[in-house]
Amino acid sequence: MEDLEAEAFLADKAYDTNELLDMLKEADIAAVIPPVKSRKEHRAYSHELYRARHVIENVFRALKRWRGIATRYAKLTASFIAAIHVRCLFLYLPVHTT
């Protein structure tokens, strides 16, 4: 976390801890984490940025639907990254098989 450079940190309620929030505050990174219900003082967060997190989760879900990526069959990092690139192309481009 010390070398992390970002404007915002998007996470779900599981990451709503005082320790993490303090670390983000020290690094001058905005915490986009909804507070847990048991927190005494609810803090504000960007609902708009938090909704963007949903798009990221969907991309990971789509990548993991491809068995080669989900089980990490590739032994080399370069092969694994190439498989991710191929899968992203299939997700992005309208590929039709007839």
PDB file of N, CA and C in Angstrom:
ATOM      1  N   MET A   1       0.819  -1.199   0.000  1.00  0.00           N
ATOM      2  CA  MET A   1       0.000   0.000   0.000  1.00  0.00           C
ATOM      3  C   MET A   1       0.864   1.266   0.000  1.00  0.00           C
ATOM      4  N   GLU A   2       2.095   1.181   0.480  1.00  0.00           N
ATOM      5  CA  GLU A   2       2.913   2.396   0.573  1.00  0.00           C
ATOM      6  C   GLU A   2       3.250   2.972  -0.798  1.00  0.00           C
ATOM      7  N   ASP A   3       3.449   2.114  -1.784  1.00  0.00           N
ATOM      8  CA  ASP A   3       3.819   2.574  -3.122  1.00  0.00           C
ATOM      9  C   ASP A   3       2.620   2.753  -4.041  1.00  0.00           C
ATOM     10  N   LEU A   4       1.426   2.624  -3.512  1.00  0.00           N
ATOM     11  CA  LEU A   4       0.213   2.734  -4.308  1.00  0.00           C
ATOM     12  C   LEU A   4      -0.042   4.184  -4.696  1.00  0.00           C
ATOM     13  N   GLU A   5      -0.236   4.398  -6.003  1.00  0.00           N
ATOM     14  CA  GLU A   5      -0.565   5.732  -6.494  1.00  0.00           C
ATOM     15  C   GLU A   5      -1.920   5.664  -7.175  1.00  0.00           C
ATOM     16  N   ALA A   6      -2.911   6.278  -6.572  1.00  0.00           N
ATOM     17  CA  ALA A   6      -4.260   6.272  -7.129  1.00  0.00           C
ATOM     18  C   ALA A   6      -5.026   7.458  -6.573  1.00  0.00           C
ATOM     19  N   GLU A   7      -6.079   7.830  -7.277  1.00  0.00           N
ATOM     20  CA  GLU A   7      -6.945   8.901  -6.799  1.00  0.00           C
ATOM     21  C   GLU A   7      -8.015   8.364  -5.866  1.00  0.00           C
ATOM     22  N   ALA A   8      -8.455   7.117  -6.144  1.00  0.00           N
ATOM     23  CA  ALA A   8      -9.530   6.531  -5.341  1.00  0.00           C
ATOM     24  C   ALA A   8      -9.306   5.032  -5.186  1.00  0.00           C
ATOM     25  N   PHE A   9      -9.814   4.493  -4.093  1.00  0.00           N
ATOM     26  CA  PHE A   9      -9.743   3.070  -3.794  1.00  0.00           C
ATOM     27  C   PHE A   9     -11.171   2.553  -3.707  1.00  0.00           C
ATOM     28  N   LEU A  10     -11.581   1.732  -4.681  1.00  0.00           N
ATOM     29  CA  LEU A  10     -12.942   1.208  -4.733  1.00  0.00           C
ATOM     30  C   LEU A  10     -12.964  -0.187  -4.120  1.00  0.00           C
ATOM     31  N   ALA A  11     -13.851  -0.401  -3.166  1.00  0.00           N
ATOM     32  CA  ALA A  11     -13.959  -1.711  -2.523  1.00  0.00           C
ATOM     33  C   ALA A  11     -15.355  -1.862  -1.934  1.00  0.00           C
ATOM     34  N   ASP A  12     -15.690  -3.097  -1.591  1.00  0.00           N
ATOM     35  CA  ASP A  12     -17.003  -3.327  -0.997  1.00  0.00           C
ATOM     36  C   ASP A  12     -16.928  -3.192   0.525  1.00  0.00           C
ATOM     37  N   LYS A  13     -18.046  -3.443   1.193  1.00  0.00           N
ATOM     38  CA  LYS A  13     -18.155  -3.227   2.639  1.00  0.00           C
ATOM     39  C   LYS A  13     -17.173  -4.061   3.454  1.00  0.00           C
ATOM     40  N   ALA A  14     -16.712  -5.170   2.911  1.00  0.00           N
ATOM     41  CA  ALA A  14     -15.776  -6.030   3.637  1.00  0.00           C
ATOM     42  C   ALA A  14     -14.462  -5.309   3.941  1.00  0.00           C
ATOM     43  N   TYR A  15     -14.146  -4.285   3.172  1.00  0.00           N
ATOM     44  CA  TYR A  15     -12.896  -3.543   3.365  1.00  0.00           C
ATOM     45  C   TYR A  15     -13.078  -2.286   4.211  1.00  0.00           C
ATOM     46  N   ASP A  16     -14.211  -2.127   4.831  1.00  0.00           N
ATOM     47  CA  ASP A  16     -14.470  -0.960   5.668  1.00  0.00           C
ATOM     48  C   ASP A  16     -13.858  -1.170   7.050  1.00  0.00           C
ATOM     49  N   THR A  17     -12.556  -0.965   7.135  1.00  0.00           N
ATOM     50  CA  THR A  17     -11.849  -1.079   8.415  1.00  0.00           C
ATOM     51  C   THR A  17     -11.137   0.239   8.707  1.00  0.00           C
ATOM     52  N   ASN A  18     -11.016   0.548   9.974  1.00  0.00           N
ATOM     53  CA  ASN A  18     -10.347   1.791  10.362  1.00  0.00           C
ATOM     54  C   ASN A  18      -8.892   1.795   9.913  1.00  0.00           C
ATOM     55  N   GLU A  19      -8.231   0.642  10.000  1.00  0.00           N
ATOM     56  CA  GLU A  19      -6.829   0.551   9.607  1.00  0.00           C
ATOM     57  C   GLU A  19      -6.644   0.903   8.134  1.00  0.00           C
ATOM     58  N   LEU A  20      -7.471   0.324   7.263  1.00  0.00           N
ATOM     59  CA  LEU A  20      -7.373   0.611   5.838  1.00  0.00           C
ATOM     60  C   LEU A  20      -7.732   2.059   5.544  1.00  0.00           C
ATOM     61  N   LEU A  21      -8.773   2.555   6.182  1.00  0.00           N
ATOM     62  CA  LEU A  21      -9.178   3.950   5.957  1.00  0.00           C
ATOM     63  C   LEU A  21      -8.081   4.922   6.377  1.00  0.00           C
ATOM     64  N   ASP A  22      -7.392   4.623   7.476  1.00  0.00           N
ATOM     65  CA  ASP A  22      -6.285   5.476   7.919  1.00  0.00           C
ATOM     66  C   ASP A  22      -5.125   5.436   6.927  1.00  0.00           C
ATOM     67  N   MET A  23      -4.829   4.236   6.405  1.00  0.00           N
ATOM     68  CA  MET A  23      -3.746   4.110   5.425  1.00  0.00           C
ATOM     69  C   MET A  23      -4.069   4.898   4.154  1.00  0.00           C
ATOM     70  N   LEU A  24      -5.316   4.820   3.717  1.00  0.00           N
ATOM     71  CA  LEU A  24      -5.719   5.562   2.519  1.00  0.00           C
ATOM     72  C   LEU A  24      -5.674   7.068   2.758  1.00  0.00           C
ATOM     73  N   LYS A  25      -6.064   7.485   3.953  1.00  0.00           N
ATOM     74  CA  LYS A  25      -6.037   8.915   4.273  1.00  0.00           C
ATOM     75  C   LYS A  25      -4.604   9.440   4.280  1.00  0.00           C
ATOM     76  N   GLU A  26      -3.665   8.650   4.832  1.00  0.00           N
ATOM     77  CA  GLU A  26      -2.259   9.048   4.850  1.00  0.00           C
ATOM     78  C   GLU A  26      -1.694   9.169   3.433  1.00  0.00           C
ATOM     79  N   ALA A  27      -2.141   8.279   2.548  1.00  0.00           N
ATOM     80  CA  ALA A  27      -1.659   8.285   1.168  1.00  0.00           C
ATOM     81  C   ALA A  27      -2.428   9.278   0.297  1.00  0.00           C
ATOM     82  N   ASP A  28      -3.374   9.993   0.869  1.00  0.00           N
ATOM     83  CA  ASP A  28      -4.206  10.971   0.157  1.00  0.00           C
ATOM     84  C   ASP A  28      -4.974  10.319  -1.003  1.00  0.00           C
ATOM     85  N   ILE A  29      -5.583   9.149  -0.690  1.00  0.00           N
ATOM     86  CA  ILE A  29      -6.396   8.405  -1.652  1.00  0.00           C
ATOM     87  C   ILE A  29      -7.825   8.390  -1.127  1.00  0.00           C
ATOM     88  N   ALA A  30      -8.767   8.749  -1.985  1.00  0.00           N
ATOM     89  CA  ALA A  30     -10.172   8.772  -1.577  1.00  0.00           C
ATOM     90  C   ALA A  30     -10.683   7.338  -1.399  1.00  0.00           C
ATOM     91  N   ALA A  31     -11.322   7.082  -0.280  1.00  0.00           N
ATOM     92  CA  ALA A  31     -11.890   5.765   0.000  1.00  0.00           C
ATOM     93  C   ALA A  31     -13.327   5.720  -0.516  1.00  0.00           C
ATOM     94  N   VAL A  32     -13.552   4.896  -1.516  1.00  0.00           N
ATOM     95  CA  VAL A  32     -14.893   4.718  -2.064  1.00  0.00           C
ATOM     96  C   VAL A  32     -15.379   3.356  -1.576  1.00  0.00           C
ATOM     97  N   ILE A  33     -15.703   3.323  -0.291  1.00  0.00           N
ATOM     98  CA  ILE A  33     -16.109   2.095   0.381  1.00  0.00           C
ATOM     99  C   ILE A  33     -17.378   2.404   1.160  1.00  0.00           C
ATOM    100  N   PRO A  34     -18.489   1.725   0.858  1.00  0.00           N
ATOM    101  CA  PRO A  34     -19.700   1.983   1.643  1.00  0.00           C
ATOM    102  C   PRO A  34     -19.496   1.506   3.077  1.00  0.00           C
ATOM    103  N   PRO A  35     -19.970   2.273   4.039  1.00  0.00           N
ATOM    104  CA  PRO A  35     -19.774   1.876   5.441  1.00  0.00           C
ATOM    105  C   PRO A  35     -20.667   0.696   5.828  1.00  0.00           C
ATOM    106  N   VAL A  36     -20.146  -0.140   6.713  1.00  0.00           N
ATOM    107  CA  VAL A  36     -20.960  -1.249   7.223  1.00  0.00           C
ATOM    108  C   VAL A  36     -22.056  -0.685   8.116  1.00  0.00           C
ATOM    109  N   LYS A  37     -23.132  -1.432   8.262  1.00  0.00           N
ATOM    110  CA  LYS A  37     -24.275  -0.938   9.034  1.00  0.00           C
ATOM    111  C   LYS A  37     -23.940  -0.747  10.510  1.00  0.00           C
ATOM    112  N   SER A  38     -22.993  -1.521  11.018  1.00  0.00           N
ATOM    113  CA  SER A  38     -22.670  -1.434  12.444  1.00  0.00           C
ATOM    114  C   SER A  38     -21.768  -0.251  12.795  1.00  0.00           C
ATOM    115  N   ARG A  39     -21.291   0.473  11.792  1.00  0.00           N
ATOM    116  CA  ARG A  39     -20.428   1.637  12.059  1.00  0.00           C
ATOM    117  C   ARG A  39     -21.256   2.749  12.692  1.00  0.00           C
ATOM    118  N   LYS A  40     -20.734   3.321  13.768  1.00  0.00           N
ATOM    119  CA  LYS A  40     -21.471   4.355  14.505  1.00  0.00           C
ATOM    120  C   LYS A  40     -21.622   5.635  13.690  1.00  0.00           C
ATOM    121  N   GLU A  41     -20.534   6.062  13.066  1.00  0.00           N
ATOM    122  CA  GLU A  41     -20.567   7.274  12.254  1.00  0.00           C
ATOM    123  C   GLU A  41     -20.431   6.887  10.787  1.00  0.00           C
ATOM    124  N   HIS A  42     -21.491   7.085  10.033  1.00  0.00           N
ATOM    125  CA  HIS A  42     -21.443   6.773   8.603  1.00  0.00           C
ATOM    126  C   HIS A  42     -20.766   7.913   7.858  1.00  0.00           C
ATOM    127  N   ARG A  43     -19.801   7.561   7.037  1.00  0.00           N
ATOM    128  CA  ARG A  43     -19.082   8.577   6.278  1.00  0.00           C
ATOM    129  C   ARG A  43     -19.602   8.611   4.847  1.00  0.00           C
ATOM    130  N   ALA A  44     -19.370   9.709   4.192  1.00  0.00           N
ATOM    131  CA  ALA A  44     -19.831   9.868   2.811  1.00  0.00           C
ATOM    132  C   ALA A  44     -18.838   9.195   1.858  1.00  0.00           C
ATOM    133  N   TYR A  45     -19.359   8.702   0.734  1.00  0.00           N
ATOM    134  CA  TYR A  45     -18.530   8.137  -0.325  1.00  0.00           C
ATOM    135  C   TYR A  45     -19.231   8.402  -1.652  1.00  0.00           C
ATOM    136  N   SER A  46     -18.491   8.322  -2.721  1.00  0.00           N
ATOM    137  CA  SER A  46     -19.039   8.620  -4.046  1.00  0.00           C
ATOM    138  C   SER A  46     -19.846   7.427  -4.566  1.00  0.00           C
ATOM    139  N   HIS A  47     -21.157   7.577  -4.605  1.00  0.00           N
ATOM    140  CA  HIS A  47     -22.020   6.515  -5.114  1.00  0.00           C
ATOM    141  C   HIS A  47     -21.773   6.282  -6.604  1.00  0.00           C
ATOM    142  N   GLU A  48     -21.457   7.360  -7.325  1.00  0.00           N
ATOM    143  CA  GLU A  48     -21.213   7.257  -8.762  1.00  0.00           C
ATOM    144  C   GLU A  48     -19.958   6.423  -9.049  1.00  0.00           C
ATOM    145  N   LEU A  49     -18.887   6.689  -8.316  1.00  0.00           N
ATOM    146  CA  LEU A  49     -17.666   5.893  -8.494  1.00  0.00           C
ATOM    147  C   LEU A  49     -17.885   4.451  -8.066  1.00  0.00           C
ATOM    148  N   TYR A  50     -18.653   4.254  -7.004  1.00  0.00           N
ATOM    149  CA  TYR A  50     -18.897   2.903  -6.524  1.00  0.00           C
ATOM    150  C   TYR A  50     -19.661   2.089  -7.560  1.00  0.00           C
ATOM    151  N   ARG A  51     -20.562   2.718  -8.296  1.00  0.00           N
ATOM    152  CA  ARG A  51     -21.294   2.023  -9.353  1.00  0.00           C
ATOM    153  C   ARG A  51     -20.353   1.576 -10.469  1.00  0.00           C
ATOM    154  N   ALA A  52     -19.278   2.313 -10.699  1.00  0.00           N
ATOM    155  CA  ALA A  52     -18.302   1.935 -11.722  1.00  0.00           C
ATOM    156  C   ALA A  52     -17.604   0.631 -11.355  1.00  0.00           C
ATOM    157  N   ARG A  53     -17.548   0.329 -10.074  1.00  0.00           N
ATOM    158  CA  ARG A  53     -16.952  -0.911  -9.607  1.00  0.00           C
ATOM    159  C   ARG A  53     -17.688  -2.122 -10.179  1.00  0.00           C
ATOM    160  N   HIS A  54     -18.976  -1.968 -10.400  1.00  0.00           N
ATOM    161  CA  HIS A  54     -19.787  -3.049 -10.948  1.00  0.00           C
ATOM    162  C   HIS A  54     -19.285  -3.460 -12.340  1.00  0.00           C
ATOM    163  N   VAL A  55     -18.880  -2.512 -13.144  1.00  0.00           N
ATOM    164  CA  VAL A  55     -18.365  -2.798 -14.484  1.00  0.00           C
ATOM    165  C   VAL A  55     -17.091  -3.640 -14.380  1.00  0.00           C
ATOM    166  N   ILE A  56     -16.229  -3.284 -13.461  1.00  0.00           N
ATOM    167  CA  ILE A  56     -14.982  -4.022 -13.266  1.00  0.00           C
ATOM    168  C   ILE A  56     -15.277  -5.457 -12.828  1.00  0.00           C
ATOM    169  N   GLU A  57     -16.207  -5.623 -11.903  1.00  0.00           N
ATOM    170  CA  GLU A  57     -16.592  -6.961 -11.444  1.00  0.00           C
ATOM    171  C   GLU A  57     -17.139  -7.796 -12.597  1.00  0.00           C
ATOM    172  N   ASN A  58     -17.913  -7.192 -13.483  1.00  0.00           N
ATOM    173  CA  ASN A  58     -18.467  -7.919 -14.627  1.00  0.00           C
ATOM    174  C   ASN A  58     -17.376  -8.388 -15.585  1.00  0.00           C
ATOM    175  N   VAL A  59     -16.354  -7.578 -15.780  1.00  0.00           N
ATOM    176  CA  VAL A  59     -15.252  -7.973 -16.661  1.00  0.00           C
ATOM    177  C   VAL A  59     -14.521  -9.171 -16.063  1.00  0.00           C
ATOM    178  N   PHE A  60     -14.242  -9.142 -14.768  1.00  0.00           N
ATOM    179  CA  PHE A  60     -13.584 -10.279 -14.132  1.00  0.00           C
ATOM    180  C   PHE A  60     -14.447 -11.536 -14.227  1.00  0.00           C
ATOM    181  N   ARG A  61     -15.748 -11.397 -14.048  1.00  0.00           N
ATOM    182  CA  ARG A  61     -16.646 -12.541 -14.149  1.00  0.00           C
ATOM    183  C   ARG A  61     -16.598 -13.121 -15.563  1.00  0.00           C
ATOM    184  N   ALA A  62     -16.612 -12.252 -16.568  1.00  0.00           N
ATOM    185  CA  ALA A  62     -16.569 -12.717 -17.954  1.00  0.00           C
ATOM    186  C   ALA A  62     -15.237 -13.400 -18.270  1.00  0.00           C
ATOM    187  N   LEU A  63     -14.157 -12.882 -17.731  1.00  0.00           N
ATOM    188  CA  LEU A  63     -12.851 -13.511 -17.950  1.00  0.00           C
ATOM    189  C   LEU A  63     -12.799 -14.894 -17.308  1.00  0.00           C
ATOM    190  N   LYS A  64     -13.341 -15.013 -16.115  1.00  0.00           N
ATOM    191  CA  LYS A  64     -13.274 -16.285 -15.389  1.00  0.00           C
ATOM    192  C   LYS A  64     -14.206 -17.342 -15.966  1.00  0.00           C
ATOM    193  N   ARG A  65     -15.129 -16.947 -16.831  1.00  0.00           N
ATOM    194  CA  ARG A  65     -15.996 -17.928 -17.483  1.00  0.00           C
ATOM    195  C   ARG A  65     -15.211 -18.754 -18.509  1.00  0.00           C
ATOM    196  N   TRP A  66     -14.043 -18.266 -18.896  1.00  0.00           N
ATOM    197  CA  TRP A  66     -13.178 -19.011 -19.803  1.00  0.00           C
ATOM    198  C   TRP A  66     -12.289 -19.905 -18.957  1.00  0.00           C
ATOM    199  N   ARG A  67     -12.431 -21.190 -19.126  1.00  0.00           N
ATOM    200  CA  ARG A  67     -11.790 -22.169 -18.252  1.00  0.00           C
ATOM    201  C   ARG A  67     -10.273 -22.025 -18.197  1.00  0.00           C
ATOM    202  N   GLY A  68      -9.652 -21.703 -19.301  1.00  0.00           N
ATOM    203  CA  GLY A  68      -8.197 -21.565 -19.335  1.00  0.00           C
ATOM    204  C   GLY A  68      -7.690 -20.456 -18.438  1.00  0.00           C
ATOM    205  N   ILE A  69      -8.479 -19.411 -18.268  1.00  0.00           N
ATOM    206  CA  ILE A  69      -8.081 -18.304 -17.392  1.00  0.00           C
ATOM    207  C   ILE A  69      -8.454 -18.617 -15.947  1.00  0.00           C
ATOM    208  N   ALA A  70      -9.638 -19.163 -15.747  1.00  0.00           N
ATOM    209  CA  ALA A  70     -10.106 -19.438 -14.383  1.00  0.00           C
ATOM    210  C   ALA A  70      -9.208 -20.433 -13.663  1.00  0.00           C
ATOM    211  N   THR A  71      -8.703 -21.429 -14.368  1.00  0.00           N
ATOM    212  CA  THR A  71      -7.863 -22.444 -13.729  1.00  0.00           C
ATOM    213  C   THR A  71      -6.380 -22.182 -13.905  1.00  0.00           C
ATOM    214  N   ARG A  72      -6.039 -21.135 -14.645  1.00  0.00           N
ATOM    215  CA  ARG A  72      -4.645 -20.707 -14.846  1.00  0.00           C
ATOM    216  C   ARG A  72      -3.789 -21.837 -15.407  1.00  0.00           C
ATOM    217  N   TYR A  73      -4.242 -22.382 -16.561  1.00  0.00           N
ATOM    218  CA  TYR A  73      -3.494 -23.455 -17.211  1.00  0.00           C
ATOM    219  C   TYR A  73      -2.133 -22.997 -17.718  1.00  0.00           C
ATOM    220  N   ALA A  74      -2.005 -21.773 -18.113  1.00  0.00           N
ATOM    221  CA  ALA A  74      -0.744 -21.273 -18.667  1.00  0.00           C
ATOM    222  C   ALA A  74       0.335 -21.274 -17.592  1.00  0.00           C
ATOM    223  N   LYS A  75       1.492 -21.807 -17.944  1.00  0.00           N
ATOM    224  CA  LYS A  75       2.585 -21.880 -16.975  1.00  0.00           C
ATOM    225  C   LYS A  75       3.403 -20.588 -16.959  1.00  0.00           C
ATOM    226  N   LEU A  76       3.477 -19.922 -18.093  1.00  0.00           N
ATOM    227  CA  LEU A  76       4.243 -18.687 -18.187  1.00  0.00           C
ATOM    228  C   LEU A  76       3.329 -17.481 -18.059  1.00  0.00           C
ATOM    229  N   THR A  77       3.818 -16.447 -17.443  1.00  0.00           N
ATOM    230  CA  THR A  77       3.046 -15.216 -17.284  1.00  0.00           C
ATOM    231  C   THR A  77       2.666 -14.635 -18.638  1.00  0.00           C
ATOM    232  N   ALA A  78       3.590 -14.675 -19.586  1.00  0.00           N
ATOM    233  CA  ALA A  78       3.318 -14.125 -20.918  1.00  0.00           C
ATOM    234  C   ALA A  78       2.160 -14.878 -21.580  1.00  0.00           C
ATOM    235  N   SER A  79       2.105 -16.191 -21.410  1.00  0.00           N
ATOM    236  CA  SER A  79       1.018 -16.981 -21.996  1.00  0.00           C
ATOM    237  C   SER A  79      -0.313 -16.647 -21.334  1.00  0.00           C
ATOM    238  N   PHE A  80      -0.281 -16.448 -20.033  1.00  0.00           N
ATOM    239  CA  PHE A  80      -1.503 -16.115 -19.291  1.00  0.00           C
ATOM    240  C   PHE A  80      -2.039 -14.752 -19.735  1.00  0.00           C
ATOM    241  N   ILE A  81      -1.147 -13.781 -19.848  1.00  0.00           N
ATOM    242  CA  ILE A  81      -1.559 -12.438 -20.280  1.00  0.00           C
ATOM    243  C   ILE A  81      -2.074 -12.480 -21.721  1.00  0.00           C
ATOM    244  N   ALA A  82      -1.442 -13.295 -22.567  1.00  0.00           N
ATOM    245  CA  ALA A  82      -1.916 -13.436 -23.946  1.00  0.00           C
ATOM    246  C   ALA A  82      -3.328 -14.020 -23.967  1.00  0.00           C
ATOM    247  N   ALA A  83      -3.595 -14.995 -23.103  1.00  0.00           N
ATOM    248  CA  ALA A  83      -4.938 -15.583 -23.026  1.00  0.00           C
ATOM    249  C   ALA A  83      -5.957 -14.537 -22.580  1.00  0.00           C
ATOM    250  N   ILE A  84      -5.587 -13.685 -21.652  1.00  0.00           N
ATOM    251  CA  ILE A  84      -6.481 -12.617 -21.206  1.00  0.00           C
ATOM    252  C   ILE A  84      -6.749 -11.645 -22.355  1.00  0.00           C
ATOM    253  N   HIS A  85      -5.716 -11.312 -23.123  1.00  0.00           N
ATOM    254  CA  HIS A  85      -5.895 -10.422 -24.275  1.00  0.00           C
ATOM    255  C   HIS A  85      -6.843 -11.026 -25.297  1.00  0.00           C
ATOM    256  N   VAL A  86      -6.681 -12.308 -25.577  1.00  0.00           N
ATOM    257  CA  VAL A  86      -7.560 -12.975 -26.543  1.00  0.00           C
ATOM    258  C   VAL A  86      -9.001 -12.961 -26.038  1.00  0.00           C
ATOM    259  N   ARG A  87      -9.189 -13.270 -24.765  1.00  0.00           N
ATOM    260  CA  ARG A  87     -10.540 -13.288 -24.199  1.00  0.00           C
ATOM    261  C   ARG A  87     -11.156 -11.882 -24.246  1.00  0.00           C
ATOM    262  N   CYS A  88     -10.368 -10.861 -23.948  1.00  0.00           N
ATOM    263  CA  CYS A  88     -10.883  -9.485 -24.008  1.00  0.00           C
ATOM    264  C   CYS A  88     -11.285  -9.110 -25.430  1.00  0.00           C
ATOM    265  N   LEU A  89     -10.531  -9.587 -26.420  1.00  0.00           N
ATOM    266  CA  LEU A  89     -10.908  -9.337 -27.807  1.00  0.00           C
ATOM    267  C   LEU A  89     -12.255  -9.973 -28.119  1.00  0.00           C
ATOM    268  N   PHE A  90     -12.470 -11.203 -27.656  1.00  0.00           N
ATOM    269  CA  PHE A  90     -13.749 -11.873 -27.885  1.00  0.00           C
ATOM    270  C   PHE A  90     -14.887 -11.158 -27.166  1.00  0.00           C
ATOM    271  N   LEU A  91     -14.611 -10.575 -26.016  1.00  0.00           N
ATOM    272  CA  LEU A  91     -15.641  -9.836 -25.298  1.00  0.00           C
ATOM    273  C   LEU A  91     -15.965  -8.513 -25.990  1.00  0.00           C
ATOM    274  N   TYR A  92     -14.936  -7.878 -26.545  1.00  0.00           N
ATOM    275  CA  TYR A  92     -15.102  -6.549 -27.114  1.00  0.00           C
ATOM    276  C   TYR A  92     -15.608  -6.565 -28.552  1.00  0.00           C
ATOM    277  N   LEU A  93     -15.037  -7.446 -29.365  1.00  0.00           N
ATOM    278  CA  LEU A  93     -15.387  -7.480 -30.785  1.00  0.00           C
ATOM    279  C   LEU A  93     -16.618  -8.349 -31.022  1.00  0.00           C
ATOM    280  N   PRO A  94     -17.470  -7.940 -31.947  1.00  0.00           N
ATOM    281  CA  PRO A  94     -18.633  -8.786 -32.273  1.00  0.00           C
ATOM    282  C   PRO A  94     -18.218  -9.942 -33.176  1.00  0.00           C
ATOM    283  N   VAL A  95     -17.801 -11.035 -32.571  1.00  0.00           N
ATOM    284  CA  VAL A  95     -17.355 -12.195 -33.325  1.00  0.00           C
ATOM    285  C   VAL A  95     -18.536 -13.150 -33.514  1.00  0.00           C
ATOM    286  N   HIS A  96     -18.839 -13.478 -34.770  1.00  0.00           N
ATOM    287  CA  HIS A  96     -19.940 -14.386 -35.077  1.00  0.00           C
ATOM    288  C   HIS A  96     -19.402 -15.636 -35.742  1.00  0.00           C
ATOM    289  N   THR A  97     -19.825 -16.772 -35.289  1.00  0.00           N
ATOM    290  CA  THR A  97     -19.440 -18.006 -35.924  1.00  0.00           C
ATOM    291  C   THR A  97     -20.658 -18.608 -36.598  1.00  0.00           C
ATOM    292  N   THR A  98     -20.549 -18.856 -37.875  1.00  0.00           N
ATOM    293  CA  THR A  98     -21.678 -19.440 -38.609  1.00  0.00           C
ATOM    294  C   THR A  98     -21.219 -20.605 -39.441  1.00  0.00           C
TER     295      THR A  98
END
